[in-house]
């Protein structure tokens, strides 16, 4: 099998937790959180929280009022 490689983008203030797999070519938006051990195969919108296998939207990330 051929090696598939593409850059992975991680925006400012984003957090990718331990053991997460981010597929080639994926963009993790600014302020987004990827939960531990998640498998991300689609772009993650800015200021959202995703988790699971495959990673799914959990909720919007809102910083203190």
PDB file of N, CA and C in Angstrom:
ATOM      1  N   UNK A   1       0.837  -1.175   0.000  1.00  0.00           N
ATOM      2  CA  UNK A   1       0.000   0.000   0.000  1.00  0.00           C
ATOM      3  C   UNK A   1       0.884   1.242   0.000  1.00  0.00           C
ATOM      4  N   UNK A   2       0.460   2.240  -0.750  1.00  0.00           N
ATOM      5  CA  UNK A   2       1.185   3.513  -0.776  1.00  0.00           C
ATOM      6  C   UNK A   2       0.984   4.278   0.514  1.00  0.00           C
ATOM      7  N   UNK A   3       2.029   5.002   0.895  1.00  0.00           N
ATOM      8  CA  UNK A   3       1.942   5.877   2.050  1.00  0.00           C
ATOM      9  C   UNK A   3       1.140   7.117   1.667  1.00  0.00           C
ATOM     10  N   UNK A   4       0.121   7.416   2.439  1.00  0.00           N
ATOM     11  CA  UNK A   4      -0.682   8.618   2.219  1.00  0.00           C
ATOM     12  C   UNK A   4      -0.241   9.646   3.247  1.00  0.00           C
ATOM     13  N   UNK A   5       0.203  10.789   2.768  1.00  0.00           N
ATOM     14  CA  UNK A   5       0.641  11.819   3.698  1.00  0.00           C
ATOM     15  C   UNK A   5       0.135  13.183   3.237  1.00  0.00           C
ATOM     16  N   UNK A   6      -0.273  13.957   4.214  1.00  0.00           N
ATOM     17  CA  UNK A   6      -0.741  15.324   3.985  1.00  0.00           C
ATOM     18  C   UNK A   6      -0.604  16.056   5.308  1.00  0.00           C
ATOM     19  N   UNK A   7      -0.383  17.351   5.264  1.00  0.00           N
ATOM     20  CA  UNK A   7      -0.218  18.097   6.520  1.00  0.00           C
ATOM     21  C   UNK A   7      -1.493  18.087   7.360  1.00  0.00           C
ATOM     22  N   UNK A   8      -1.305  18.122   8.675  1.00  0.00           N
ATOM     23  CA  UNK A   8      -2.400  18.230   9.633  1.00  0.00           C
ATOM     24  C   UNK A   8      -2.322  19.630  10.223  1.00  0.00           C
ATOM     25  N   UNK A   9      -3.435  20.360  10.211  1.00  0.00           N
ATOM     26  CA  UNK A   9      -3.447  21.718  10.750  1.00  0.00           C
ATOM     27  C   UNK A   9      -4.105  21.754  12.114  1.00  0.00           C
ATOM     28  N   UNK A  10      -3.460  22.436  13.056  1.00  0.00           N
ATOM     29  CA  UNK A  10      -4.029  22.611  14.391  1.00  0.00           C
ATOM     30  C   UNK A  10      -4.043  24.107  14.683  1.00  0.00           C
ATOM     31  N   UNK A  11      -5.241  24.666  14.846  1.00  0.00           N
ATOM     32  CA  UNK A  11      -5.403  26.102  15.050  1.00  0.00           C
ATOM     33  C   UNK A  11      -4.957  26.575  16.418  1.00  0.00           C
ATOM     34  N   UNK A  12      -4.839  27.895  16.550  1.00  0.00           N
ATOM     35  CA  UNK A  12      -4.483  28.518  17.824  1.00  0.00           C
ATOM     36  C   UNK A  12      -5.477  28.129  18.911  1.00  0.00           C
ATOM     37  N   UNK A  13      -4.979  27.910  20.102  1.00  0.00           N
ATOM     38  CA  UNK A  13      -5.767  27.595  21.292  1.00  0.00           C
ATOM     39  C   UNK A  13      -6.516  26.274  21.187  1.00  0.00           C
ATOM     40  N   UNK A  14      -6.193  25.435  20.210  1.00  0.00           N
ATOM     41  CA  UNK A  14      -6.806  24.109  20.107  1.00  0.00           C
ATOM     42  C   UNK A  14      -6.075  23.157  21.039  1.00  0.00           C
ATOM     43  N   UNK A  15      -6.763  22.100  21.476  1.00  0.00           N
ATOM     44  CA  UNK A  15      -6.183  21.124  22.378  1.00  0.00           C
ATOM     45  C   UNK A  15      -6.481  19.732  21.823  1.00  0.00           C
ATOM     46  N   UNK A  16      -5.421  18.998  21.505  1.00  0.00           N
ATOM     47  CA  UNK A  16      -5.547  17.612  21.062  1.00  0.00           C
ATOM     48  C   UNK A  16      -5.078  16.750  22.227  1.00  0.00           C
ATOM     49  N   UNK A  17      -5.996  16.018  22.849  1.00  0.00           N
ATOM     50  CA  UNK A  17      -5.683  15.246  24.048  1.00  0.00           C
ATOM     51  C   UNK A  17      -4.873  13.994  23.715  1.00  0.00           C
ATOM     52  N   UNK A  18      -4.338  13.372  24.760  1.00  0.00           N
ATOM     53  CA  UNK A  18      -3.429  12.230  24.635  1.00  0.00           C
ATOM     54  C   UNK A  18      -4.030  11.085  23.825  1.00  0.00           C
ATOM     55  N   UNK A  19      -3.203  10.512  22.963  1.00  0.00           N
ATOM     56  CA  UNK A  19      -3.565   9.309  22.228  1.00  0.00           C
ATOM     57  C   UNK A  19      -4.540   9.501  21.082  1.00  0.00           C
ATOM     58  N   UNK A  20      -4.878  10.736  20.756  1.00  0.00           N
ATOM     59  CA  UNK A  20      -5.815  10.982  19.655  1.00  0.00           C
ATOM     60  C   UNK A  20      -5.138  10.711  18.319  1.00  0.00           C
ATOM     61  N   UNK A  21      -5.876  10.168  17.365  1.00  0.00           N
ATOM     62  CA  UNK A  21      -5.399   9.953  16.000  1.00  0.00           C
ATOM     63  C   UNK A  21      -6.058  10.993  15.108  1.00  0.00           C
ATOM     64  N   UNK A  22      -5.239  11.773  14.420  1.00  0.00           N
ATOM     65  CA  UNK A  22      -5.737  12.764  13.469  1.00  0.00           C
ATOM     66  C   UNK A  22      -5.297  12.296  12.086  1.00  0.00           C
ATOM     67  N   UNK A  23      -6.248  12.025  11.201  1.00  0.00           N
ATOM     68  CA  UNK A  23      -5.935  11.518   9.867  1.00  0.00           C
ATOM     69  C   UNK A  23      -5.205  12.575   9.032  1.00  0.00           C
ATOM     70  N   UNK A  24      -4.462  12.144   8.022  1.00  0.00           N
ATOM     71  CA  UNK A  24      -3.749  13.090   7.154  1.00  0.00           C
ATOM     72  C   UNK A  24      -4.712  14.082   6.493  1.00  0.00           C
ATOM     73  N   UNK A  25      -4.290  15.339   6.406  1.00  0.00           N
ATOM     74  CA  UNK A  25      -5.057  16.364   5.715  1.00  0.00           C
ATOM     75  C   UNK A  25      -6.163  17.002   6.531  1.00  0.00           C
ATOM     76  N   UNK A  26      -6.293  16.628   7.782  1.00  0.00           N
ATOM     77  CA  UNK A  26      -7.370  17.146   8.628  1.00  0.00           C
ATOM     78  C   UNK A  26      -6.968  18.485   9.239  1.00  0.00           C
ATOM     79  N   UNK A  27      -7.942  19.388   9.393  1.00  0.00           N
ATOM     80  CA  UNK A  27      -7.753  20.684  10.048  1.00  0.00           C
ATOM     81  C   UNK A  27      -8.547  20.679  11.357  1.00  0.00           C
ATOM     82  N   UNK A  28      -7.855  20.964  12.460  1.00  0.00           N
ATOM     83  CA  UNK A  28      -8.502  21.135  13.759  1.00  0.00           C
ATOM     84  C   UNK A  28      -8.588  22.641  13.976  1.00  0.00           C
ATOM     85  N   UNK A  29      -9.801  23.175  14.026  1.00  0.00           N
ATOM     86  CA  UNK A  29     -10.017  24.615  14.092  1.00  0.00           C
ATOM     87  C   UNK A  29      -9.525  25.258  15.371  1.00  0.00           C
ATOM     88  N   UNK A  30      -9.376  26.563  15.329  1.00  0.00           N
ATOM     89  CA  UNK A  30      -8.942  27.340  16.496  1.00  0.00           C
ATOM     90  C   UNK A  30      -9.870  27.091  17.678  1.00  0.00           C
ATOM     91  N   UNK A  31      -9.279  26.872  18.853  1.00  0.00           N
ATOM     92  CA  UNK A  31     -10.053  26.702  20.072  1.00  0.00           C
ATOM     93  C   UNK A  31     -10.776  25.380  20.210  1.00  0.00           C
ATOM     94  N   UNK A  32     -10.629  24.477  19.257  1.00  0.00           N
ATOM     95  CA  UNK A  32     -11.314  23.185  19.317  1.00  0.00           C
ATOM     96  C   UNK A  32     -10.630  22.259  20.317  1.00  0.00           C
ATOM     97  N   UNK A  33     -11.379  21.270  20.817  1.00  0.00           N
ATOM     98  CA  UNK A  33     -10.832  20.249  21.706  1.00  0.00           C
ATOM     99  C   UNK A  33     -11.135  18.887  21.097  1.00  0.00           C
ATOM    100  N   UNK A  34     -10.093  18.054  20.982  1.00  0.00           N
ATOM    101  CA  UNK A  34     -10.241  16.669  20.522  1.00  0.00           C
ATOM    102  C   UNK A  34     -10.001  15.782  21.733  1.00  0.00           C
ATOM    103  N   UNK A  35     -11.007  15.000  22.124  1.00  0.00           N
ATOM    104  CA  UNK A  35     -10.924  14.169  23.322  1.00  0.00           C
ATOM    105  C   UNK A  35      -9.869  13.076  23.224  1.00  0.00           C
ATOM    106  N   UNK A  36      -9.432  12.597  24.379  1.00  0.00           N
ATOM    107  CA  UNK A  36      -8.416  11.554  24.454  1.00  0.00           C
ATOM    108  C   UNK A  36      -8.847  10.300  23.691  1.00  0.00           C
ATOM    109  N   UNK A  37      -7.901   9.723  22.973  1.00  0.00           N
ATOM    110  CA  UNK A  37      -8.074   8.473  22.211  1.00  0.00           C
ATOM    111  C   UNK A  37      -9.095   8.579  21.076  1.00  0.00           C
ATOM    112  N   UNK A  38      -9.473   9.782  20.676  1.00  0.00           N
ATOM    113  CA  UNK A  38     -10.421   9.980  19.573  1.00  0.00           C
ATOM    114  C   UNK A  38      -9.765   9.664  18.241  1.00  0.00           C
ATOM    115  N   UNK A  39     -10.598   9.323  17.260  1.00  0.00           N
ATOM    116  CA  UNK A  39     -10.144   9.081  15.899  1.00  0.00           C
ATOM    117  C   UNK A  39     -10.832  10.115  15.015  1.00  0.00           C
ATOM    118  N   UNK A  40     -10.046  11.093  14.542  1.00  0.00           N
ATOM    119  CA  UNK A  40     -10.600  12.216  13.783  1.00  0.00           C
ATOM    120  C   UNK A  40     -10.352  11.988  12.293  1.00  0.00           C
ATOM    121  N   UNK A  41     -11.438  11.843  11.539  1.00  0.00           N
ATOM    122  CA  UNK A  41     -11.346  11.609  10.095  1.00  0.00           C
ATOM    123  C   UNK A  41     -12.012  12.710   9.287  1.00  0.00           C
ATOM    124  N   UNK A  42     -12.557  13.713   9.970  1.00  0.00           N
ATOM    125  CA  UNK A  42     -13.176  14.876   9.316  1.00  0.00           C
ATOM    126  C   UNK A  42     -12.672  16.135  10.005  1.00  0.00           C
ATOM    127  N   UNK A  43     -12.686  17.246   9.284  1.00  0.00           N
ATOM    128  CA  UNK A  43     -12.250  18.510   9.865  1.00  0.00           C
ATOM    129  C   UNK A  43     -13.074  18.849  11.106  1.00  0.00           C
ATOM    130  N   UNK A  44     -12.412  19.473  12.081  1.00  0.00           N
ATOM    131  CA  UNK A  44     -13.061  19.866  13.331  1.00  0.00           C
ATOM    132  C   UNK A  44     -13.299  21.369  13.273  1.00  0.00           C
ATOM    133  N   UNK A  45     -14.544  21.774  13.442  1.00  0.00           N
ATOM    134  CA  UNK A  45     -14.910  23.188  13.394  1.00  0.00           C
ATOM    135  C   UNK A  45     -14.294  23.945  14.565  1.00  0.00           C
ATOM    136  N   UNK A  46     -14.005  25.241  14.374  1.00  0.00           N
ATOM    137  CA  UNK A  46     -13.461  26.046  15.475  1.00  0.00           C
ATOM    138  C   UNK A  46     -14.411  26.075  16.680  1.00  0.00           C
ATOM    139  N   UNK A  47     -13.830  26.086  17.861  1.00  0.00           N
ATOM    140  CA  UNK A  47     -14.532  26.224  19.137  1.00  0.00           C
ATOM    141  C   UNK A  47     -15.601  25.158  19.355  1.00  0.00           C
ATOM    142  N   UNK A  48     -15.277  23.919  18.957  1.00  0.00           N
ATOM    143  CA  UNK A  48     -16.156  22.783  19.237  1.00  0.00           C
ATOM    144  C   UNK A  48     -15.370  21.725  20.003  1.00  0.00           C
ATOM    145  N   UNK A  49     -16.087  20.802  20.619  1.00  0.00           N
ATOM    146  CA  UNK A  49     -15.488  19.669  21.315  1.00  0.00           C
ATOM    147  C   UNK A  49     -15.954  18.412  20.593  1.00  0.00           C
ATOM    148  N   UNK A  50     -14.995  17.551  20.233  1.00  0.00           N
ATOM    149  CA  UNK A  50     -15.302  16.280  19.582  1.00  0.00           C
ATOM    150  C   UNK A  50     -14.615  15.161  20.356  1.00  0.00           C
ATOM    151  N   UNK A  51     -15.199  13.958  20.300  1.00  0.00           N
ATOM    152  CA  UNK A  51     -14.605  12.809  20.972  1.00  0.00           C
ATOM    153  C   UNK A  51     -15.195  11.534  20.400  1.00  0.00           C
ATOM    154  N   UNK A  52     -14.482  10.435  20.585  1.00  0.00           N
ATOM    155  CA  UNK A  52     -14.984   9.118  20.208  1.00  0.00           C
ATOM    156  C   UNK A  52     -14.281   8.533  19.004  1.00  0.00           C
ATOM    157  N   UNK A  53     -14.756   7.341  18.608  1.00  0.00           N
ATOM    158  CA  UNK A  53     -14.225   6.633  17.458  1.00  0.00           C
ATOM    159  C   UNK A  53     -15.403   6.144  16.610  1.00  0.00           C
ATOM    160  N   UNK A  54     -15.695   6.845  15.528  1.00  0.00           N
ATOM    161  CA  UNK A  54     -15.057   8.058  15.025  1.00  0.00           C
ATOM    162  C   UNK A  54     -15.462   9.267  15.867  1.00  0.00           C
ATOM    163  N   UNK A  55     -14.637  10.305  15.828  1.00  0.00           N
ATOM    164  CA  UNK A  55     -14.913  11.513  16.614  1.00  0.00           C
ATOM    165  C   UNK A  55     -16.225  12.144  16.154  1.00  0.00           C
ATOM    166  N   UNK A  56     -17.039  12.500  17.131  1.00  0.00           N
ATOM    167  CA  UNK A  56     -18.331  13.144  16.865  1.00  0.00           C
ATOM    168  C   UNK A  56     -18.430  14.428  17.681  1.00  0.00           C
ATOM    169  N   UNK A  57     -19.250  15.337  17.179  1.00  0.00           N
ATOM    170  CA  UNK A  57     -19.499  16.606  17.861  1.00  0.00           C
ATOM    171  C   UNK A  57     -20.116  16.329  19.230  1.00  0.00           C
ATOM    172  N   UNK A  58     -19.560  16.949  20.281  1.00  0.00           N
ATOM    173  CA  UNK A  58     -20.116  16.832  21.630  1.00  0.00           C
ATOM    174  C   UNK A  58     -20.875  18.104  21.990  1.00  0.00           C
ATOM    175  N   UNK A  59     -20.173  19.246  21.890  1.00  0.00           N
ATOM    176  CA  UNK A  59     -20.833  20.523  22.164  1.00  0.00           C
ATOM    177  C   UNK A  59     -19.922  21.665  21.731  1.00  0.00           C
ATOM    178  N   UNK A  60     -20.479  22.863  21.721  1.00  0.00           N
ATOM    179  CA  UNK A  60     -19.694  24.075  21.453  1.00  0.00           C
ATOM    180  C   UNK A  60     -18.821  24.353  22.672  1.00  0.00           C
ATOM    181  N   UNK A  61     -17.635  24.855  22.440  1.00  0.00           N
ATOM    182  CA  UNK A  61     -16.749  25.259  23.534  1.00  0.00           C
ATOM    183  C   UNK A  61     -16.966  26.743  23.798  1.00  0.00           C
ATOM    184  N   UNK A  62     -17.372  27.067  25.024  1.00  0.00           N
ATOM    185  CA  UNK A  62     -17.632  28.452  25.405  1.00  0.00           C
ATOM    186  C   UNK A  62     -16.738  28.773  26.592  1.00  0.00           C
ATOM    187  N   UNK A  63     -15.933  29.817  26.444  1.00  0.00           N
ATOM    188  CA  UNK A  63     -15.073  30.230  27.542  1.00  0.00           C
ATOM    189  C   UNK A  63     -15.860  31.144  28.474  1.00  0.00           C
ATOM    190  N   UNK A  64     -15.413  31.244  29.739  1.00  0.00           N
ATOM    191  CA  UNK A  64     -16.101  32.004  30.781  1.00  0.00           C
ATOM    192  C   UNK A  64     -16.799  33.277  30.335  1.00  0.00           C
ATOM    193  N   UNK A  65     -17.885  33.597  31.010  1.00  0.00           N
ATOM    194  CA  UNK A  65     -18.684  34.779  30.675  1.00  0.00           C
ATOM    195  C   UNK A  65     -18.096  36.025  31.255  1.00  0.00           C
TER     196      UNK A  65
END
